[in-house]
Amino acid sequence: MKDYLENINKAFESRARLGIMSVLMVEERVDFNTLKETLQLTDGNLASHLRALEEAEYLRVEKQFVGRKPNTTYQATDGGREAFKSHLDALEQLILNNRNGS
């Protein structure tokens, strides 16, 4: 049990960060407003979770202008994808072991 518990990543413990990474695992690139609407988060809440994932180097941020409007897009890094997969695998093992133990 201890082996897979070690792979549970604190960076993904919140619902918001799980949601962000889940979206980025499916979509190549996602903009801020799409994440905000999809995950039903406030600007400030989403921004703080994105910043934490960026600092962990789990996502890449690209800022550009579309016309005169700023547009920020996010993309999972290879390291972020691997860390998230390991986290999901660890959660799956935890669930399976708890089901089998019942």
Protein backbone atom coordinates (compact mmCIF):
# COMPACT_ATOMS: atom_id res chain seq x y z
CA MET A 1 0.00 0.00 0.00
CA LYS A 2 2.80 2.39 0.83
CA ASP A 3 4.28 2.14 -2.69
CA TYR A 4 1.36 3.72 -4.48
CA LEU A 5 0.61 6.18 -1.68
CA GLU A 6 4.04 7.65 -2.37
CA ASN A 7 2.88 8.39 -5.93
CA ILE A 8 -0.11 10.44 -4.83
CA ASN A 9 0.99 13.93 -5.80
CA LYS A 10 0.04 16.82 -3.51
CA ALA A 11 0.07 19.17 -6.51
CA PHE A 12 -3.10 17.44 -7.75
CA GLU A 13 -5.00 17.13 -4.47
CA SER A 14 -7.49 19.93 -5.12
CA ARG A 15 -10.55 19.51 -7.31
CA ALA A 16 -9.49 22.55 -9.36
CA ARG A 17 -6.03 21.17 -10.16
CA LEU A 18 -7.43 17.73 -10.96
CA GLY A 19 -9.86 19.45 -13.31
CA ILE A 20 -7.21 21.61 -14.96
CA MET A 21 -4.93 18.67 -15.63
CA SER A 22 -7.82 16.47 -16.79
CA VAL A 23 -8.77 19.07 -19.39
CA LEU A 24 -5.14 19.51 -20.48
CA MET A 25 -4.69 15.75 -20.88
CA VAL A 26 -7.49 15.73 -23.46
CA GLU A 27 -6.97 19.10 -25.15
CA GLU A 28 -3.63 20.15 -26.63
CA ARG A 29 -4.09 23.79 -25.61
CA VAL A 30 -6.80 25.56 -23.63
CA ASP A 31 -7.35 29.25 -22.97
CA PHE A 32 -8.10 30.81 -19.60
CA ASN A 33 -11.79 31.51 -20.27
CA THR A 34 -12.46 27.97 -21.47
CA LEU A 35 -10.89 26.55 -18.29
CA LYS A 36 -12.84 29.03 -16.17
CA GLU A 37 -16.17 28.11 -17.78
CA THR A 38 -15.48 24.37 -17.90
CA LEU A 39 -14.39 24.15 -14.26
CA GLN A 40 -16.79 26.81 -12.91
CA LEU A 41 -14.03 28.70 -11.09
CA THR A 42 -13.53 32.39 -10.38
CA ASP A 43 -10.72 34.26 -12.11
CA GLY A 44 -8.64 34.50 -8.93
CA ASN A 45 -9.15 30.89 -7.89
CA LEU A 46 -8.27 29.55 -11.34
CA ALA A 47 -5.25 31.86 -11.65
CA SER A 48 -3.80 30.71 -8.32
CA HIS A 49 -4.14 27.02 -9.22
CA LEU A 50 -2.66 27.60 -12.68
CA ARG A 51 0.26 29.45 -11.12
CA ALA A 52 0.95 26.57 -8.72
CA LEU A 53 0.94 24.05 -11.59
CA GLU A 54 3.17 26.33 -13.65
CA GLU A 55 5.65 26.67 -10.76
CA ALA A 56 5.72 22.86 -10.52
CA GLU A 57 6.51 22.87 -14.25
CA TYR A 58 3.42 20.78 -14.98
CA LEU A 59 2.04 23.26 -17.49
CA ARG A 60 3.31 25.76 -20.00
CA VAL A 61 1.80 29.23 -20.36
CA GLU A 62 1.69 31.12 -23.62
CA LYS A 63 0.56 34.74 -23.74
CA GLN A 64 -0.24 36.47 -27.00
CA PHE A 65 -2.59 39.06 -28.43
CA VAL A 66 -5.50 38.12 -30.66
CA GLY A 67 -6.35 41.40 -32.30
CA ARG A 68 -6.09 43.81 -29.40
CA LYS A 69 -7.14 41.33 -26.72
CA PRO A 70 -4.68 39.39 -24.61
CA ASN A 71 -5.09 35.62 -24.87
CA THR A 72 -3.42 33.21 -22.47
CA THR A 73 -3.30 29.52 -23.30
CA TYR A 74 -2.14 26.58 -21.22
CA GLN A 75 -0.62 23.27 -22.23
CA ALA A 76 0.51 20.31 -20.12
CA THR A 77 4.25 19.68 -20.20
CA ASP A 78 5.61 16.18 -20.75
CA GLY A 79 6.60 16.11 -17.08
CA GLY A 80 3.13 17.26 -16.08
CA ARG A 81 1.52 14.53 -18.15
CA GLU A 82 3.74 11.87 -16.58
CA ALA A 83 3.19 13.17 -13.05
CA PHE A 84 -0.57 13.28 -13.57
CA LYS A 85 -0.66 9.75 -15.01
CA SER A 86 1.34 8.47 -12.01
CA HIS A 87 -1.06 10.26 -9.67
CA LEU A 88 -4.10 8.70 -11.37
CA ASP A 89 -2.47 5.26 -11.32
CA ALA A 90 -1.82 5.63 -7.59
CA LEU A 91 -5.44 6.67 -6.96
CA GLU A 92 -6.66 3.72 -9.01
CA GLN A 93 -4.54 1.31 -6.95
CA LEU A 94 -5.83 2.85 -3.74
CA ILE A 95 -9.43 2.40 -4.89
CA LEU A 96 -8.87 -1.16 -6.11
CA ASN A 97 -7.15 -2.19 -2.88
CA ASN A 98 -9.93 -0.67 -0.78
CA ARG A 99 -12.59 -2.47 -2.84
CA ASN A 100 -10.77 -5.78 -2.59
CA GLY A 101 -10.18 -5.31 1.11
CA SER A 102 -13.88 -4.88 1.85
